[in-house]
Structures are given as C-alpha cells and as structure tokens.
Amino acid sequence: MMGTFLFIGGPEIFIILLIVVMFFGADKIPEIARGLGKGMSQIKNATNDIKKEINESAKNQGIDTDLASDINKEISEVKDNIDDLTGPIKRNR
C-alpha cells in the first residue's frame, strides 16, 4: 500500500503521474524533477539565510533570543516539511 502524500492517496498519485507523462512525455520527467529539486534547494538556502539574519539582528539589537529561537524553531519546522515533501523526489547518490 502506497499511503498518502499531501492528503492524496495512491490511485490519485498514479492518475496525476499518468497525466504528467501524457502532457510532457516520459523523457521530460527527469528535467521536471531536477527543476523541482533545484527549486527546493533554493528554498532551503533562503530559509537558512533568513535564520542567519534573524540571529545576527537579534544579537546586534540586544533582543531577547527566546523570540529569535521561537522563530528559528518555526523555520526549522517549515524546512523539515520541505524535506518531507522532497524525500520521494531525491535520488540516492
């Protein structure tokens, strides 16, 4: 049993993949996956940059770092969710 991915079950994923193959062709799927991977890595890099900026500005302004750590925790959760989404797309090297 395939389980659910983004609240979508196995049959729905199969139909979506079939439609993608019909529209783009099987030879375009690796390109699309590469593009999605690059986009996800850019999002990860952006969240890391935001996290770094929050930490630096909090230290420079003397802001209580508990607030900054809460924000960092939220950013980390978003990053983990992105990792969960990209898990099936990543290739093992």
C-alpha atoms as a PDB file:
ATOM      1  CA  MET A   1       0.000   0.000   0.000  1.00  0.00           C
ATOM      2  CA  MET A   2       1.384   3.340  -1.039  1.00  0.00           C
ATOM      3  CA  GLY A   3      -0.077   5.528   1.752  1.00  0.00           C
ATOM      4  CA  THR A   4      -0.847   9.196   1.436  1.00  0.00           C
ATOM      5  CA  PHE A   5       1.266  12.051   0.162  1.00  0.00           C
ATOM      6  CA  LEU A   6      -0.085  15.564   0.660  1.00  0.00           C
ATOM      7  CA  PHE A   7      -3.512  14.118   1.522  1.00  0.00           C
ATOM      8  CA  ILE A   8      -3.544  12.290  -1.814  1.00  0.00           C
ATOM      9  CA  GLY A   9      -3.806   8.511  -1.961  1.00  0.00           C
ATOM     10  CA  GLY A  10      -2.080   6.038  -4.257  1.00  0.00           C
ATOM     11  CA  PRO A  11      -4.665   5.970  -7.063  1.00  0.00           C
ATOM     12  CA  GLU A  12      -4.719   9.773  -7.273  1.00  0.00           C
ATOM     13  CA  ILE A  13      -0.907   9.908  -7.489  1.00  0.00           C
ATOM     14  CA  PHE A  14      -0.984   7.307 -10.276  1.00  0.00           C
ATOM     15  CA  ILE A  15      -3.533   9.332 -12.259  1.00  0.00           C
ATOM     16  CA  ILE A  16      -1.517  12.534 -11.785  1.00  0.00           C
ATOM     17  CA  LEU A  17       1.663  10.791 -12.958  1.00  0.00           C
ATOM     18  CA  LEU A  18      -0.194   9.394 -15.968  1.00  0.00           C
ATOM     19  CA  ILE A  19      -1.413  12.883 -16.900  1.00  0.00           C
ATOM     20  CA  VAL A  20       2.110  14.306 -16.473  1.00  0.00           C
ATOM     21  CA  VAL A  21       3.521  11.616 -18.774  1.00  0.00           C
ATOM     22  CA  MET A  22       0.795  12.324 -21.336  1.00  0.00           C
ATOM     23  CA  PHE A  23       1.445  16.080 -21.343  1.00  0.00           C
ATOM     24  CA  PHE A  24       5.226  16.187 -21.068  1.00  0.00           C
ATOM     25  CA  GLY A  25       6.361  12.769 -22.209  1.00  0.00           C
ATOM     26  CA  ALA A  26       8.483  10.311 -20.274  1.00  0.00           C
ATOM     27  CA  ASP A  27      11.747  11.923 -21.420  1.00  0.00           C
ATOM     28  CA  LYS A  28      10.843  15.286 -19.787  1.00  0.00           C
ATOM     29  CA  ILE A  29      10.133  13.849 -16.311  1.00  0.00           C
ATOM     30  CA  PRO A  30      13.817  13.848 -15.191  1.00  0.00           C
ATOM     31  CA  GLU A  31      14.111  17.517 -16.251  1.00  0.00           C
ATOM     32  CA  ILE A  32      11.000  18.394 -14.288  1.00  0.00           C
ATOM     33  CA  ALA A  33      12.270  16.529 -11.232  1.00  0.00           C
ATOM     34  CA  ARG A  34      15.638  18.313 -11.496  1.00  0.00           C
ATOM     35  CA  GLY A  35      13.877  21.655 -11.683  1.00  0.00           C
ATOM     36  CA  LEU A  36      11.801  20.818  -8.629  1.00  0.00           C
ATOM     37  CA  GLY A  37      14.926  19.731  -6.761  1.00  0.00           C
ATOM     38  CA  LYS A  38      16.737  22.963  -7.609  1.00  0.00           C
ATOM     39  CA  GLY A  39      13.732  24.973  -6.510  1.00  0.00           C
ATOM     40  CA  MET A  40      13.532  23.133  -3.210  1.00  0.00           C
ATOM     41  CA  SER A  41      17.249  23.629  -2.561  1.00  0.00           C
ATOM     42  CA  GLN A  42      16.857  27.360  -3.236  1.00  0.00           C
ATOM     43  CA  ILE A  43      14.018  27.483  -0.713  1.00  0.00           C
ATOM     44  CA  LYS A  44      16.183  25.672   1.841  1.00  0.00           C
ATOM     45  CA  ASN A  45      19.049  28.099   1.247  1.00  0.00           C
ATOM     46  CA  ALA A  46      16.706  31.041   1.619  1.00  0.00           C
ATOM     47  CA  THR A  47      15.366  29.746   4.937  1.00  0.00           C
ATOM     48  CA  ASN A  48      18.935  29.263   6.182  1.00  0.00           C
ATOM     49  CA  ASP A  49      19.790  32.834   5.155  1.00  0.00           C
ATOM     50  CA  ILE A  50      16.682  34.153   6.918  1.00  0.00           C
ATOM     51  CA  LYS A  51      17.585  32.181  10.025  1.00  0.00           C
ATOM     52  CA  LYS A  52      21.122  33.611   9.976  1.00  0.00           C
ATOM     53  CA  GLU A  53      19.832  37.175   9.527  1.00  0.00           C
ATOM     54  CA  ILE A  54      17.378  36.767  12.399  1.00  0.00           C
ATOM     55  CA  ASN A  55      20.140  35.533  14.696  1.00  0.00           C
ATOM     56  CA  GLU A  56      22.546  38.319  13.709  1.00  0.00           C
ATOM     57  CA  SER A  57      19.980  41.097  14.018  1.00  0.00           C
ATOM     58  CA  ALA A  58      18.776  39.757  17.369  1.00  0.00           C
ATOM     59  CA  LYS A  59      22.332  39.760  18.711  1.00  0.00           C
ATOM     60  CA  ASN A  60      23.059  43.244  17.318  1.00  0.00           C
ATOM     61  CA  GLN A  61      19.856  44.752  18.693  1.00  0.00           C
ATOM     62  CA  GLY A  62      20.105  43.010  22.055  1.00  0.00           C
ATOM     63  CA  ILE A  63      16.696  41.422  21.526  1.00  0.00           C
ATOM     64  CA  ASP A  64      15.741  38.553  23.777  1.00  0.00           C
ATOM     65  CA  THR A  65      16.911  35.492  21.884  1.00  0.00           C
ATOM     66  CA  ASP A  66      13.951  33.451  23.108  1.00  0.00           C
ATOM     67  CA  LEU A  67      11.842  35.193  20.461  1.00  0.00           C
ATOM     68  CA  ALA A  68      14.511  34.537  17.851  1.00  0.00           C
ATOM     69  CA  SER A  69      14.765  30.899  18.888  1.00  0.00           C
ATOM     70  CA  ASP A  70      10.979  30.527  18.555  1.00  0.00           C
ATOM     71  CA  ILE A  71      11.160  31.948  15.036  1.00  0.00           C
ATOM     72  CA  ASN A  72      14.115  29.672  14.247  1.00  0.00           C
ATOM     73  CA  LYS A  73      12.100  26.720  15.514  1.00  0.00           C
ATOM     74  CA  GLU A  74       9.234  27.612  13.179  1.00  0.00           C
ATOM     75  CA  ILE A  75      11.640  27.994  10.251  1.00  0.00           C
ATOM     76  CA  SER A  76      13.170  24.618  11.086  1.00  0.00           C
ATOM     77  CA  GLU A  77       9.720  23.019  11.079  1.00  0.00           C
ATOM     78  CA  VAL A  78       8.998  24.507   7.647  1.00  0.00           C
ATOM     79  CA  LYS A  79      12.372  23.232   6.444  1.00  0.00           C
ATOM     80  CA  ASP A  80      11.588  19.754   7.789  1.00  0.00           C
ATOM     81  CA  ASN A  81       8.237  19.831   5.990  1.00  0.00           C
ATOM     82  CA  ILE A  82      10.045  20.746   2.778  1.00  0.00           C
ATOM     83  CA  ASP A  83      12.456  17.853   3.377  1.00  0.00           C
ATOM     84  CA  ASP A  84       9.461  15.540   3.806  1.00  0.00           C
ATOM     85  CA  LEU A  85       7.980  16.787   0.522  1.00  0.00           C
ATOM     86  CA  THR A  86      11.201  16.385  -1.413  1.00  0.00           C
ATOM     87  CA  GLY A  87      12.006  12.965   0.048  1.00  0.00           C
ATOM     88  CA  PRO A  88      10.350  10.991  -2.761  1.00  0.00           C
ATOM     89  CA  ILE A  89      11.987  13.247  -5.388  1.00  0.00           C
ATOM     90  CA  LYS A  90      15.583  12.970  -4.130  1.00  0.00           C
ATOM     91  CA  ARG A  91      17.914  10.435  -5.669  1.00  0.00           C
ATOM     92  CA  ASN A  92      20.349   8.383  -3.654  1.00  0.00           C
ATOM     93  CA  ARG A  93      23.922   9.138  -4.669  1.00  0.00           C
END
